Amino acid sequence: MLKSCYTSKLAAVLVLLMIALPAIAGKNWRSEGNSKATKAEACVAPVPEMRRNHMEMIQHQRDLTVHQGIRKTDNSLHGCIDCHANIDDAGKHIPVNAPGQFCSGCHNYVAASLDCFSCHATVPK
């Protein structure tokens, strides 16, 4: 029952993301600010694929890391943070889950929980 409820909620969130992200992102896929992503020519996958499948990529990476001990892959959460964290005027990284930042902006828009960072770092190390 719990798995079914979780799956239903996840499916609903994914549908909302598929609909909302193109509208939020506008014509430019790059995040606002001065992160590495704002200067990059491409993401680890084409933008439409990232909009639809980023959660599956992160969960797949989680399974590889936690269950198999594989830490070096293209879709690590560390890589996302390293690329999408902006830098403030003092030269310090702004957490990706801070209000108005890359991850929090879309997740707040679709009312999706952003609980990755209860354990994971919000800025590059």
PDB file of N, CA and C in Angstrom:
ATOM      1  N   MET A   1       0.825  -1.191   0.000  1.00  0.00           N
ATOM      2  CA  MET A   1       0.000   0.000   0.000  1.00  0.00           C
ATOM      3  C   MET A   1       0.864   1.248   0.000  1.00  0.00           C
ATOM      4  N   LEU A   2       1.896   1.288   0.865  1.00  0.00           N
ATOM      5  CA  LEU A   2       2.763   2.454   0.942  1.00  0.00           C
ATOM      6  C   LEU A   2       3.495   2.680  -0.367  1.00  0.00           C
ATOM      7  N   LYS A   3       3.985   1.608  -0.966  1.00  0.00           N
ATOM      8  CA  LYS A   3       4.697   1.729  -2.234  1.00  0.00           C
ATOM      9  C   LYS A   3       3.752   2.259  -3.315  1.00  0.00           C
ATOM     10  N   SER A   4       2.525   1.784  -3.337  1.00  0.00           N
ATOM     11  CA  SER A   4       1.543   2.239  -4.312  1.00  0.00           C
ATOM     12  C   SER A   4       1.242   3.714  -4.134  1.00  0.00           C
ATOM     13  N   CYS A   5       1.093   4.169  -2.900  1.00  0.00           N
ATOM     14  CA  CYS A   5       0.825   5.575  -2.615  1.00  0.00           C
ATOM     15  C   CYS A   5       2.006   6.428  -3.060  1.00  0.00           C
ATOM     16  N   TYR A   6       3.232   5.983  -2.738  1.00  0.00           N
ATOM     17  CA  TYR A   6       4.439   6.701  -3.140  1.00  0.00           C
ATOM     18  C   TYR A   6       4.540   6.771  -4.657  1.00  0.00           C
ATOM     19  N   THR A   7       4.288   5.661  -5.319  1.00  0.00           N
ATOM     20  CA  THR A   7       4.359   5.616  -6.775  1.00  0.00           C
ATOM     21  C   THR A   7       3.343   6.561  -7.400  1.00  0.00           C
ATOM     22  N   SER A   8       2.136   6.609  -6.872  1.00  0.00           N
ATOM     23  CA  SER A   8       1.107   7.509  -7.389  1.00  0.00           C
ATOM     24  C   SER A   8       1.514   8.966  -7.219  1.00  0.00           C
ATOM     25  N   LYS A   9       2.055   9.296  -6.050  1.00  0.00           N
ATOM     26  CA  LYS A   9       2.500  10.669  -5.806  1.00  0.00           C
ATOM     27  C   LYS A   9       3.660  11.027  -6.717  1.00  0.00           C
ATOM     28  N   LEU A  10       4.600  10.108  -6.872  1.00  0.00           N
ATOM     29  CA  LEU A  10       5.743  10.355  -7.743  1.00  0.00           C
ATOM     30  C   LEU A  10       5.283  10.557  -9.182  1.00  0.00           C
ATOM     31  N   ALA A  11       4.352   9.739  -9.637  1.00  0.00           N
ATOM     32  CA  ALA A  11       3.840   9.879 -11.004  1.00  0.00           C
ATOM     33  C   ALA A  11       3.163  11.233 -11.187  1.00  0.00           C
ATOM     34  N   ALA A  12       2.405  11.665 -10.197  1.00  0.00           N
ATOM     35  CA  ALA A  12       1.729  12.962 -10.283  1.00  0.00           C
ATOM     36  C   ALA A  12       2.738  14.099 -10.342  1.00  0.00           C
ATOM     37  N   VAL A  13       3.783  14.019  -9.529  1.00  0.00           N
ATOM     38  CA  VAL A  13       4.820  15.049  -9.530  1.00  0.00           C
ATOM     39  C   VAL A  13       5.543  15.075 -10.871  1.00  0.00           C
ATOM     40  N   LEU A  14       5.850  13.906 -11.406  1.00  0.00           N
ATOM     41  CA  LEU A  14       6.548  13.848 -12.690  1.00  0.00           C
ATOM     42  C   LEU A  14       5.705  14.449 -13.811  1.00  0.00           C
ATOM     43  N   VAL A  15       4.412  14.177 -13.810  1.00  0.00           N
ATOM     44  CA  VAL A  15       3.529  14.770 -14.820  1.00  0.00           C
ATOM     45  C   VAL A  15       3.532  16.294 -14.686  1.00  0.00           C
ATOM     46  N   LEU A  16       3.434  16.783 -13.447  1.00  0.00           N
ATOM     47  CA  LEU A  16       3.470  18.227 -13.226  1.00  0.00           C
ATOM     48  C   LEU A  16       4.789  18.824 -13.700  1.00  0.00           C
ATOM     49  N   LEU A  17       5.887  18.137 -13.428  1.00  0.00           N
ATOM     50  CA  LEU A  17       7.182  18.633 -13.881  1.00  0.00           C
ATOM     51  C   LEU A  17       7.262  18.677 -15.401  1.00  0.00           C
ATOM     52  N   MET A  18       6.748  17.650 -16.052  1.00  0.00           N
ATOM     53  CA  MET A  18       6.779  17.624 -17.521  1.00  0.00           C
ATOM     54  C   MET A  18       5.995  18.788 -18.106  1.00  0.00           C
ATOM     55  N   ILE A  19       4.911  19.154 -17.450  1.00  0.00           N
ATOM     56  CA  ILE A  19       4.079  20.244 -17.944  1.00  0.00           C
ATOM     57  C   ILE A  19       4.671  21.594 -17.562  1.00  0.00           C
ATOM     58  N   ALA A  20       5.129  21.705 -16.316  1.00  0.00           N
ATOM     59  CA  ALA A  20       5.513  23.013 -15.788  1.00  0.00           C
ATOM     60  C   ALA A  20       6.924  23.447 -16.158  1.00  0.00           C
ATOM     61  N   LEU A  21       7.879  22.542 -16.209  1.00  0.00           N
ATOM     62  CA  LEU A  21       9.250  22.961 -16.421  1.00  0.00           C
ATOM     63  C   LEU A  21       9.483  23.723 -17.720  1.00  0.00           C
ATOM     64  N   PRO A  22       8.910  23.290 -18.847  1.00  0.00           N
ATOM     65  CA  PRO A  22       9.125  24.096 -20.046  1.00  0.00           C
ATOM     66  C   PRO A  22       8.591  25.520 -19.891  1.00  0.00           C
ATOM     67  N   ALA A  23       7.497  25.680 -19.195  1.00  0.00           N
ATOM     68  CA  ALA A  23       6.927  27.014 -18.998  1.00  0.00           C
ATOM     69  C   ALA A  23       7.801  27.836 -18.063  1.00  0.00           C
ATOM     70  N   ILE A  24       8.352  27.203 -17.024  1.00  0.00           N
ATOM     71  CA  ILE A  24       9.200  27.911 -16.072  1.00  0.00           C
ATOM     72  C   ILE A  24      10.518  28.298 -16.733  1.00  0.00           C
ATOM     73  N   ALA A  25      11.090  27.346 -17.442  1.00  0.00           N
ATOM     74  CA  ALA A  25      12.429  27.542 -17.987  1.00  0.00           C
ATOM     75  C   ALA A  25      12.460  28.517 -19.149  1.00  0.00           C
ATOM     76  N   GLY A  26      11.347  28.708 -19.804  1.00  0.00           N
ATOM     77  CA  GLY A  26      11.335  29.612 -20.950  1.00  0.00           C
ATOM     78  C   GLY A  26      12.144  29.051 -22.096  1.00  0.00           C
ATOM     79  N   LYS A  27      12.712  29.926 -22.902  1.00  0.00           N
ATOM     80  CA  LYS A  27      13.452  29.495 -24.083  1.00  0.00           C
ATOM     81  C   LYS A  27      14.854  29.002 -23.748  1.00  0.00           C
ATOM     82  N   ASN A  28      15.426  29.495 -22.652  1.00  0.00           N
ATOM     83  CA  ASN A  28      16.798  29.168 -22.312  1.00  0.00           C
ATOM     84  C   ASN A  28      16.826  28.107 -21.222  1.00  0.00           C
ATOM     85  N   TRP A  29      17.551  27.011 -21.445  1.00  0.00           N
ATOM     86  CA  TRP A  29      17.606  25.937 -20.468  1.00  0.00           C
ATOM     87  C   TRP A  29      18.521  26.269 -19.314  1.00  0.00           C
ATOM     88  N   ARG A  30      19.385  27.229 -19.473  1.00  0.00           N
ATOM     89  CA  ARG A  30      20.368  27.532 -18.441  1.00  0.00           C
ATOM     90  C   ARG A  30      19.707  28.147 -17.218  1.00  0.00           C
ATOM     91  N   SER A  31      20.296  27.873 -16.058  1.00  0.00           N
ATOM     92  CA  SER A  31      19.786  28.479 -14.835  1.00  0.00           C
ATOM     93  C   SER A  31      20.202  29.942 -14.798  1.00  0.00           C
ATOM     94  N   GLU A  32      19.469  30.704 -14.016  1.00  0.00           N
ATOM     95  CA  GLU A  32      19.802  32.107 -13.844  1.00  0.00           C
ATOM     96  C   GLU A  32      21.017  32.228 -12.938  1.00  0.00           C
ATOM     97  N   GLY A  33      21.744  33.308 -13.047  1.00  0.00           N
ATOM     98  CA  GLY A  33      22.852  33.572 -12.142  1.00  0.00           C
ATOM     99  C   GLY A  33      24.197  33.354 -12.786  1.00  0.00           C
ATOM    100  N   ASN A  34      25.155  32.912 -11.992  1.00  0.00           N
ATOM    101  CA  ASN A  34      26.533  32.800 -12.457  1.00  0.00           C
ATOM    102  C   ASN A  34      27.127  31.412 -12.228  1.00  0.00           C
ATOM    103  N   SER A  35      26.289  30.409 -12.164  1.00  0.00           N
ATOM    104  CA  SER A  35      26.785  29.038 -11.973  1.00  0.00           C
ATOM    105  C   SER A  35      27.501  28.559 -13.228  1.00  0.00           C
ATOM    106  N   LYS A  36      28.185  27.426 -13.116  1.00  0.00           N
ATOM    107  CA  LYS A  36      28.822  26.820 -14.287  1.00  0.00           C
ATOM    108  C   LYS A  36      27.780  26.511 -15.367  1.00  0.00           C
ATOM    109  N   ALA A  37      26.580  26.164 -14.942  1.00  0.00           N
ATOM    110  CA  ALA A  37      25.521  25.810 -15.900  1.00  0.00           C
ATOM    111  C   ALA A  37      25.152  26.985 -16.800  1.00  0.00           C
ATOM    112  N   THR A  38      25.280  28.206 -16.310  1.00  0.00           N
ATOM    113  CA  THR A  38      24.919  29.364 -17.134  1.00  0.00           C
ATOM    114  C   THR A  38      25.897  29.565 -18.279  1.00  0.00           C
ATOM    115  N   LYS A  39      27.091  28.983 -18.153  1.00  0.00           N
ATOM    116  CA  LYS A  39      28.114  29.134 -19.193  1.00  0.00           C
ATOM    117  C   LYS A  39      28.271  27.877 -20.052  1.00  0.00           C
ATOM    118  N   ALA A  40      27.653  26.781 -19.628  1.00  0.00           N
ATOM    119  CA  ALA A  40      27.825  25.499 -20.314  1.00  0.00           C
ATOM    120  C   ALA A  40      27.080  25.473 -21.645  1.00  0.00           C
ATOM    121  N   GLU A  41      27.603  24.728 -22.561  1.00  0.00           N
ATOM    122  CA  GLU A  41      26.950  24.544 -23.860  1.00  0.00           C
ATOM    123  C   GLU A  41      25.850  23.488 -23.796  1.00  0.00           C
ATOM    124  N   ALA A  42      25.982  22.536 -22.875  1.00  0.00           N
ATOM    125  CA  ALA A  42      24.996  21.453 -22.771  1.00  0.00           C
ATOM    126  C   ALA A  42      25.039  20.865 -21.372  1.00  0.00           C
ATOM    127  N   CYS A  43      23.958  20.189 -21.016  1.00  0.00           N
ATOM    128  CA  CYS A  43      23.884  19.474 -19.739  1.00  0.00           C
ATOM    129  C   CYS A  43      24.365  18.035 -19.980  1.00  0.00           C
ATOM    130  N   VAL A  44      24.265  17.170 -18.988  1.00  0.00           N
ATOM    131  CA  VAL A  44      24.693  15.779 -19.158  1.00  0.00           C
ATOM    132  C   VAL A  44      23.772  15.016 -20.096  1.00  0.00           C
ATOM    133  N   ALA A  45      22.593  15.580 -20.360  1.00  0.00           N
ATOM    134  CA  ALA A  45      21.625  14.997 -21.296  1.00  0.00           C
ATOM    135  C   ALA A  45      20.857  16.155 -21.926  1.00  0.00           C
ATOM    136  N   PRO A  46      20.200  15.918 -23.051  1.00  0.00           N
ATOM    137  CA  PRO A  46      19.405  16.989 -23.658  1.00  0.00           C
ATOM    138  C   PRO A  46      18.367  17.536 -22.673  1.00  0.00           C
ATOM    139  N   VAL A  47      18.106  18.823 -22.757  1.00  0.00           N
ATOM    140  CA  VAL A  47      17.205  19.503 -21.820  1.00  0.00           C
ATOM    141  C   VAL A  47      15.844  18.818 -21.689  1.00  0.00           C
ATOM    142  N   PRO A  48      15.155  18.466 -22.768  1.00  0.00           N
ATOM    143  CA  PRO A  48      13.853  17.803 -22.589  1.00  0.00           C
ATOM    144  C   PRO A  48      13.973  16.509 -21.780  1.00  0.00           C
ATOM    145  N   GLU A  49      15.053  15.767 -21.995  1.00  0.00           N
ATOM    146  CA  GLU A  49      15.260  14.531 -21.236  1.00  0.00           C
ATOM    147  C   GLU A  49      15.500  14.835 -19.762  1.00  0.00           C
ATOM    148  N   MET A  50      16.276  15.869 -19.469  1.00  0.00           N
ATOM    149  CA  MET A  50      16.525  16.248 -18.076  1.00  0.00           C
ATOM    150  C   MET A  50      15.232  16.691 -17.398  1.00  0.00           C
ATOM    151  N   ARG A  51      14.406  17.428 -18.115  1.00  0.00           N
ATOM    152  CA  ARG A  51      13.144  17.880 -17.533  1.00  0.00           C
ATOM    153  C   ARG A  51      12.235  16.711 -17.190  1.00  0.00           C
ATOM    154  N   ARG A  52      12.257  15.702 -18.027  1.00  0.00           N
ATOM    155  CA  ARG A  52      11.380  14.550 -17.801  1.00  0.00           C
ATOM    156  C   ARG A  52      11.964  13.527 -16.843  1.00  0.00           C
ATOM    157  N   ASN A  53      13.274  13.330 -16.883  1.00  0.00           N
ATOM    158  CA  ASN A  53      13.864  12.152 -16.243  1.00  0.00           C
ATOM    159  C   ASN A  53      14.895  12.425 -15.156  1.00  0.00           C
ATOM    160  N   HIS A  54      15.064  13.675 -14.726  1.00  0.00           N
ATOM    161  CA  HIS A  54      16.136  13.919 -13.760  1.00  0.00           C
ATOM    162  C   HIS A  54      15.960  13.125 -12.476  1.00  0.00           C
ATOM    163  N   MET A  55      14.739  12.936 -12.033  1.00  0.00           N
ATOM    164  CA  MET A  55      14.528  12.189 -10.789  1.00  0.00           C
ATOM    165  C   MET A  55      14.931  10.724 -10.952  1.00  0.00           C
ATOM    166  N   GLU A  56      14.599  10.131 -12.081  1.00  0.00           N
ATOM    167  CA  GLU A  56      15.000   8.743 -12.309  1.00  0.00           C
ATOM    168  C   GLU A  56      16.523   8.633 -12.378  1.00  0.00           C
ATOM    169  N   MET A  57      17.176   9.624 -12.983  1.00  0.00           N
ATOM    170  CA  MET A  57      18.642   9.606 -13.048  1.00  0.00           C
ATOM    171  C   MET A  57      19.240   9.672 -11.653  1.00  0.00           C
ATOM    172  N   ILE A  58      18.680  10.542 -10.821  1.00  0.00           N
ATOM    173  CA  ILE A  58      19.192  10.684  -9.463  1.00  0.00           C
ATOM    174  C   ILE A  58      18.919   9.418  -8.658  1.00  0.00           C
ATOM    175  N   GLN A  59      17.728   8.837  -8.802  1.00  0.00           N
ATOM    176  CA  GLN A  59      17.419   7.610  -8.060  1.00  0.00           C
ATOM    177  C   GLN A  59      18.292   6.451  -8.536  1.00  0.00           C
ATOM    178  N   HIS A  60      18.537   6.365  -9.844  1.00  0.00           N
ATOM    179  CA  HIS A  60      19.400   5.317 -10.377  1.00  0.00           C
ATOM    180  C   HIS A  60      20.803   5.474  -9.798  1.00  0.00           C
ATOM    181  N   GLN A  61      21.291   6.713  -9.782  1.00  0.00           N
ATOM    182  CA  GLN A  61      22.609   6.977  -9.206  1.00  0.00           C
ATOM    183  C   GLN A  61      22.628   6.612  -7.732  1.00  0.00           C
ATOM    184  N   ARG A  62      21.554   6.952  -7.006  1.00  0.00           N
ATOM    185  CA  ARG A  62      21.460   6.608  -5.581  1.00  0.00           C
ATOM    186  C   ARG A  62      21.581   5.099  -5.396  1.00  0.00           C
ATOM    187  N   ASP A  63      20.883   4.345  -6.208  1.00  0.00           N
ATOM    188  CA  ASP A  63      20.921   2.888  -6.090  1.00  0.00           C
ATOM    189  C   ASP A  63      22.320   2.348  -6.381  1.00  0.00           C
ATOM    190  N   LEU A  64      22.979   2.893  -7.416  1.00  0.00           N
ATOM    191  CA  LEU A  64      24.344   2.459  -7.722  1.00  0.00           C
ATOM    192  C   LEU A  64      25.290   2.757  -6.562  1.00  0.00           C
ATOM    193  N   THR A  65      25.153   3.937  -5.989  1.00  0.00           N
ATOM    194  CA  THR A  65      26.054   4.343  -4.914  1.00  0.00           C
ATOM    195  C   THR A  65      25.784   3.570  -3.631  1.00  0.00           C
ATOM    196  N   VAL A  66      24.536   3.546  -3.197  1.00  0.00           N
ATOM    197  CA  VAL A  66      24.208   2.937  -1.909  1.00  0.00           C
ATOM    198  C   VAL A  66      24.319   1.417  -1.950  1.00  0.00           C
ATOM    199  N   HIS A  67      23.796   0.807  -2.995  1.00  0.00           N
ATOM    200  CA  HIS A  67      23.737  -0.655  -3.036  1.00  0.00           C
ATOM    201  C   HIS A  67      24.982  -1.302  -3.617  1.00  0.00           C
ATOM    202  N   GLN A  68      25.664  -0.607  -4.539  1.00  0.00           N
ATOM    203  CA  GLN A  68      26.811  -1.214  -5.207  1.00  0.00           C
ATOM    204  C   GLN A  68      28.130  -0.505  -4.914  1.00  0.00           C
ATOM    205  N   GLY A  69      28.075   0.649  -4.239  1.00  0.00           N
ATOM    206  CA  GLY A  69      29.301   1.362  -3.889  1.00  0.00           C
ATOM    207  C   GLY A  69      29.944   2.116  -5.033  1.00  0.00           C
ATOM    208  N   ILE A  70      29.222   2.277  -6.153  1.00  0.00           N
ATOM    209  CA  ILE A  70      29.769   2.974  -7.322  1.00  0.00           C
ATOM    210  C   ILE A  70      29.511   4.469  -7.154  1.00  0.00           C
ATOM    211  N   ARG A  71      30.573   5.256  -7.032  1.00  0.00           N
ATOM    212  CA  ARG A  71      30.417   6.688  -6.774  1.00  0.00           C
ATOM    213  C   ARG A  71      30.761   7.568  -7.972  1.00  0.00           C
ATOM    214  N   LYS A  72      31.465   7.099  -8.935  1.00  0.00           N
ATOM    215  CA  LYS A  72      31.888   7.925 -10.066  1.00  0.00           C
ATOM    216  C   LYS A  72      31.043   7.626 -11.301  1.00  0.00           C
ATOM    217  N   THR A  73      30.006   8.422 -11.521  1.00  0.00           N
ATOM    218  CA  THR A  73      29.209   8.280 -12.736  1.00  0.00           C
ATOM    219  C   THR A  73      28.828   9.660 -13.241  1.00  0.00           C
ATOM    220  N   ASP A  74      28.260   9.712 -14.432  1.00  0.00           N
ATOM    221  CA  ASP A  74      27.880  10.976 -15.057  1.00  0.00           C
ATOM    222  C   ASP A  74      26.705  11.660 -14.373  1.00  0.00           C
ATOM    223  N   ASN A  75      25.872  10.927 -13.668  1.00  0.00           N
ATOM    224  CA  ASN A  75      24.637  11.499 -13.133  1.00  0.00           C
ATOM    225  C   ASN A  75      24.647  11.635 -11.616  1.00  0.00           C
ATOM    226  N   SER A  76      25.772  11.979 -11.037  1.00  0.00           N
ATOM    227  CA  SER A  76      25.835  12.104  -9.584  1.00  0.00           C
ATOM    228  C   SER A  76      25.183  13.403  -9.125  1.00  0.00           C
ATOM    229  N   LEU A  77      24.595  13.377  -7.960  1.00  0.00           N
ATOM    230  CA  LEU A  77      24.011  14.582  -7.380  1.00  0.00           C
ATOM    231  C   LEU A  77      25.102  15.623  -7.139  1.00  0.00           C
ATOM    232  N   HIS A  78      26.287  15.160  -6.780  1.00  0.00           N
ATOM    233  CA  HIS A  78      27.425  16.071  -6.585  1.00  0.00           C
ATOM    234  C   HIS A  78      27.707  16.865  -7.865  1.00  0.00           C
ATOM    235  N   GLY A  79      27.623  16.188  -9.010  1.00  0.00           N
ATOM    236  CA  GLY A  79      27.840  16.876 -10.288  1.00  0.00           C
ATOM    237  C   GLY A  79      26.785  17.937 -10.558  1.00  0.00           C
ATOM    238  N   CYS A  80      25.536  17.629 -10.213  1.00  0.00           N
ATOM    239  CA  CYS A  80      24.454  18.613 -10.386  1.00  0.00           C
ATOM    240  C   CYS A  80      24.719  19.850  -9.545  1.00  0.00           C
ATOM    241  N   ILE A  81      25.066  19.625  -8.278  1.00  0.00           N
ATOM    242  CA  ILE A  81      25.311  20.728  -7.344  1.00  0.00           C
ATOM    243  C   ILE A  81      26.506  21.542  -7.822  1.00  0.00           C
ATOM    244  N   ASP A  82      27.573  20.861  -8.222  1.00  0.00           N
ATOM    245  CA  ASP A  82      28.783  21.540  -8.675  1.00  0.00           C
ATOM    246  C   ASP A  82      28.497  22.473  -9.848  1.00  0.00           C
ATOM    247  N   CYS A  83      27.589  22.068 -10.723  1.00  0.00           N
ATOM    248  CA  CYS A  83      27.303  22.852 -11.923  1.00  0.00           C
ATOM    249  C   CYS A  83      26.241  23.934 -11.701  1.00  0.00           C
ATOM    250  N   HIS A  84      25.250  23.665 -10.876  1.00  0.00           N
ATOM    251  CA  HIS A  84      24.098  24.562 -10.769  1.00  0.00           C
ATOM    252  C   HIS A  84      24.125  25.527  -9.583  1.00  0.00           C
ATOM    253  N   ALA A  85      25.106  25.426  -8.686  1.00  0.00           N
ATOM    254  CA  ALA A  85      25.174  26.344  -7.546  1.00  0.00           C
ATOM    255  C   ALA A  85      25.738  27.688  -7.992  1.00  0.00           C
ATOM    256  N   ASN A  86      25.016  28.755  -7.702  1.00  0.00           N
ATOM    257  CA  ASN A  86      25.477  30.115  -8.010  1.00  0.00           C
ATOM    258  C   ASN A  86      26.437  30.602  -6.933  1.00  0.00           C
ATOM    259  N   ILE A  87      27.143  31.678  -7.238  1.00  0.00           N
ATOM    260  CA  ILE A  87      28.091  32.282  -6.309  1.00  0.00           C
ATOM    261  C   ILE A  87      27.613  33.689  -5.971  1.00  0.00           C
ATOM    262  N   ASP A  88      27.644  34.024  -4.682  1.00  0.00           N
ATOM    263  CA  ASP A  88      27.189  35.355  -4.267  1.00  0.00           C
ATOM    264  C   ASP A  88      28.302  36.394  -4.450  1.00  0.00           C
ATOM    265  N   ASP A  89      28.015  37.641  -4.083  1.00  0.00           N
ATOM    266  CA  ASP A  89      28.982  38.735  -4.259  1.00  0.00           C
ATOM    267  C   ASP A  89      30.251  38.547  -3.433  1.00  0.00           C
ATOM    268  N   ALA A  90      30.149  37.794  -2.353  1.00  0.00           N
ATOM    269  CA  ALA A  90      31.310  37.538  -1.502  1.00  0.00           C
ATOM    270  C   ALA A  90      32.140  36.360  -2.002  1.00  0.00           C
ATOM    271  N   GLY A  91      31.711  35.734  -3.095  1.00  0.00           N
ATOM    272  CA  GLY A  91      32.451  34.614  -3.659  1.00  0.00           C
ATOM    273  C   GLY A  91      32.103  33.263  -3.064  1.00  0.00           C
ATOM    274  N   LYS A  92      31.042  33.200  -2.248  1.00  0.00           N
ATOM    275  CA  LYS A  92      30.626  31.934  -1.647  1.00  0.00           C
ATOM    276  C   LYS A  92      29.458  31.350  -2.444  1.00  0.00           C
ATOM    277  N   HIS A  93      29.406  30.020  -2.472  1.00  0.00           N
ATOM    278  CA  HIS A  93      28.312  29.355  -3.185  1.00  0.00           C
ATOM    279  C   HIS A  93      26.986  29.560  -2.462  1.00  0.00           C
ATOM    280  N   ILE A  94      25.942  29.797  -3.252  1.00  0.00           N
ATOM    281  CA  ILE A  94      24.583  29.901  -2.733  1.00  0.00           C
ATOM    282  C   ILE A  94      23.987  28.496  -2.800  1.00  0.00           C
ATOM    283  N   PRO A  95      23.407  27.993  -1.715  1.00  0.00           N
ATOM    284  CA  PRO A  95      22.827  26.643  -1.743  1.00  0.00           C
ATOM    285  C   PRO A  95      21.775  26.507  -2.858  1.00  0.00           C
ATOM    286  N   VAL A  96      21.798  25.376  -3.557  1.00  0.00           N
ATOM    287  CA  VAL A  96      20.858  25.165  -4.661  1.00  0.00           C
ATOM    288  C   VAL A  96      19.414  25.088  -4.190  1.00  0.00           C
ATOM    289  N   ASN A  97      19.212  24.858  -2.891  1.00  0.00           N
ATOM    290  CA  ASN A  97      17.849  24.800  -2.376  1.00  0.00           C
ATOM    291  C   ASN A  97      17.429  26.107  -1.692  1.00  0.00           C
ATOM    292  N   ALA A  98      18.255  27.143  -1.788  1.00  0.00           N
ATOM    293  CA  ALA A  98      17.887  28.450  -1.237  1.00  0.00           C
ATOM    294  C   ALA A  98      16.758  29.031  -2.090  1.00  0.00           C
ATOM    295  N   PRO A  99      15.914  29.870  -1.494  1.00  0.00           N
ATOM    296  CA  PRO A  99      14.809  30.461  -2.264  1.00  0.00           C
ATOM    297  C   PRO A  99      15.303  31.125  -3.556  1.00  0.00           C
ATOM    298  N   GLY A 100      14.651  30.777  -4.660  1.00  0.00           N
ATOM    299  CA  GLY A 100      14.983  31.354  -5.952  1.00  0.00           C
ATOM    300  C   GLY A 100      16.131  30.695  -6.686  1.00  0.00           C
ATOM    301  N   GLN A 101      16.758  29.687  -6.089  1.00  0.00           N
ATOM    302  CA  GLN A 101      17.871  29.018  -6.751  1.00  0.00           C
ATOM    303  C   GLN A 101      17.368  27.873  -7.623  1.00  0.00           C
ATOM    304  N   PHE A 102      18.276  27.254  -8.363  1.00  0.00           N
ATOM    305  CA  PHE A 102      17.926  26.314  -9.426  1.00  0.00           C
ATOM    306  C   PHE A 102      16.976  25.209  -8.984  1.00  0.00           C
ATOM    307  N   CYS A 103      17.353  24.413  -8.009  1.00  0.00           N
ATOM    308  CA  CYS A 103      16.515  23.280  -7.599  1.00  0.00           C
ATOM    309  C   CYS A 103      15.232  23.743  -6.922  1.00  0.00           C
ATOM    310  N   SER A 104      15.375  24.684  -6.000  1.00  0.00           N
ATOM    311  CA  SER A 104      14.205  25.107  -5.222  1.00  0.00           C
ATOM    312  C   SER A 104      13.164  25.798  -6.086  1.00  0.00           C
ATOM    313  N   GLY A 105      13.581  26.528  -7.113  1.00  0.00           N
ATOM    314  CA  GLY A 105      12.633  27.253  -7.958  1.00  0.00           C
ATOM    315  C   GLY A 105      11.608  26.345  -8.611  1.00  0.00           C
ATOM    316  N   CYS A 106      12.062  25.308  -9.274  1.00  0.00           N
ATOM    317  CA  CYS A 106      11.141  24.393  -9.958  1.00  0.00           C
ATOM    318  C   CYS A 106      10.359  23.544  -8.964  1.00  0.00           C
ATOM    319  N   HIS A 107      11.029  23.038  -7.936  1.00  0.00           N
ATOM    320  CA  HIS A 107      10.347  22.199  -6.964  1.00  0.00           C
ATOM    321  C   HIS A 107       9.255  22.963  -6.226  1.00  0.00           C
ATOM    322  N   ASN A 108       9.516  24.203  -5.878  1.00  0.00           N
ATOM    323  CA  ASN A 108       8.485  25.010  -5.227  1.00  0.00           C
ATOM    324  C   ASN A 108       7.312  25.266  -6.170  1.00  0.00           C
ATOM    325  N   TYR A 109       7.619  25.515  -7.432  1.00  0.00           N
ATOM    326  CA  TYR A 109       6.569  25.806  -8.414  1.00  0.00           C
ATOM    327  C   TYR A 109       5.580  24.649  -8.543  1.00  0.00           C
ATOM    328  N   VAL A 110       6.104  23.419  -8.504  1.00  0.00           N
ATOM    329  CA  VAL A 110       5.238  22.245  -8.660  1.00  0.00           C
ATOM    330  C   VAL A 110       4.889  21.609  -7.319  1.00  0.00           C
ATOM    331  N   ALA A 111       5.230  22.275  -6.223  1.00  0.00           N
ATOM    332  CA  ALA A 111       4.933  21.805  -4.869  1.00  0.00           C
ATOM    333  C   ALA A 111       5.507  20.407  -4.607  1.00  0.00           C
ATOM    334  N   ALA A 112       6.719  20.188  -5.075  1.00  0.00           N
ATOM    335  CA  ALA A 112       7.403  18.912  -4.852  1.00  0.00           C
ATOM    336  C   ALA A 112       8.402  19.065  -3.715  1.00  0.00           C
ATOM    337  N   SER A 113       8.478  18.063  -2.876  1.00  0.00           N
ATOM    338  CA  SER A 113       9.419  18.090  -1.760  1.00  0.00           C
ATOM    339  C   SER A 113      10.841  17.989  -2.277  1.00  0.00           C
ATOM    340  N   LEU A 114      11.702  18.785  -1.701  1.00  0.00           N
ATOM    341  CA  LEU A 114      13.115  18.775  -2.084  1.00  0.00           C
ATOM    342  C   LEU A 114      13.912  18.268  -0.890  1.00  0.00           C
ATOM    343  N   ASP A 115      13.775  16.967  -0.603  1.00  0.00           N
ATOM    344  CA  ASP A 115      14.360  16.418   0.612  1.00  0.00           C
ATOM    345  C   ASP A 115      15.753  15.823   0.427  1.00  0.00           C
ATOM    346  N   CYS A 116      16.302  15.918  -0.765  1.00  0.00           N
ATOM    347  CA  CYS A 116      17.653  15.389  -1.012  1.00  0.00           C
ATOM    348  C   CYS A 116      18.662  16.002  -0.037  1.00  0.00           C
ATOM    349  N   PHE A 117      18.438  17.274   0.258  1.00  0.00           N
ATOM    350  CA  PHE A 117      19.441  18.039   0.982  1.00  0.00           C
ATOM    351  C   PHE A 117      19.306  17.956   2.488  1.00  0.00           C
ATOM    352  N   SER A 118      18.422  17.089   2.964  1.00  0.00           N
ATOM    353  CA  SER A 118      18.410  16.819   4.392  1.00  0.00           C
ATOM    354  C   SER A 118      19.647  15.980   4.730  1.00  0.00           C
ATOM    355  N   CYS A 119      20.205  15.298   3.729  1.00  0.00           N
ATOM    356  CA  CYS A 119      21.438  14.520   3.910  1.00  0.00           C
ATOM    357  C   CYS A 119      22.589  15.055   3.057  1.00  0.00           C
ATOM    358  N   HIS A 120      22.295  15.526   1.867  1.00  0.00           N
ATOM    359  CA  HIS A 120      23.333  15.914   0.920  1.00  0.00           C
ATOM    360  C   HIS A 120      23.667  17.390   0.964  1.00  0.00           C
ATOM    361  N   ALA A 121      24.910  17.715   0.623  1.00  0.00           N
ATOM    362  CA  ALA A 121      25.390  19.099   0.611  1.00  0.00           C
ATOM    363  C   ALA A 121      24.654  19.904  -0.448  1.00  0.00           C
ATOM    364  N   THR A 122      24.421  21.165  -0.154  1.00  0.00           N
ATOM    365  CA  THR A 122      23.703  22.058  -1.073  1.00  0.00           C
ATOM    366  C   THR A 122      24.658  22.941  -1.867  1.00  0.00           C
ATOM    367  N   VAL A 123      25.943  22.854  -1.559  1.00  0.00           N
ATOM    368  CA  VAL A 123      26.954  23.619  -2.280  1.00  0.00           C
ATOM    369  C   VAL A 123      28.114  22.686  -2.606  1.00  0.00           C
ATOM    370  N   PRO A 124      28.896  22.992  -3.640  1.00  0.00           N
ATOM    371  CA  PRO A 124      30.047  22.131  -3.970  1.00  0.00           C
ATOM    372  C   PRO A 124      31.073  22.134  -2.844  1.00  0.00           C
ATOM    373  N   LYS A 125      31.769  21.024  -2.709  1.00  0.00           N
ATOM    374  CA  LYS A 125      32.839  20.947  -1.710  1.00  0.00           C
ATOM    375  C   LYS A 125      34.166  20.782  -2.408  1.00  0.00           C
TER     376      LYS A 125
END
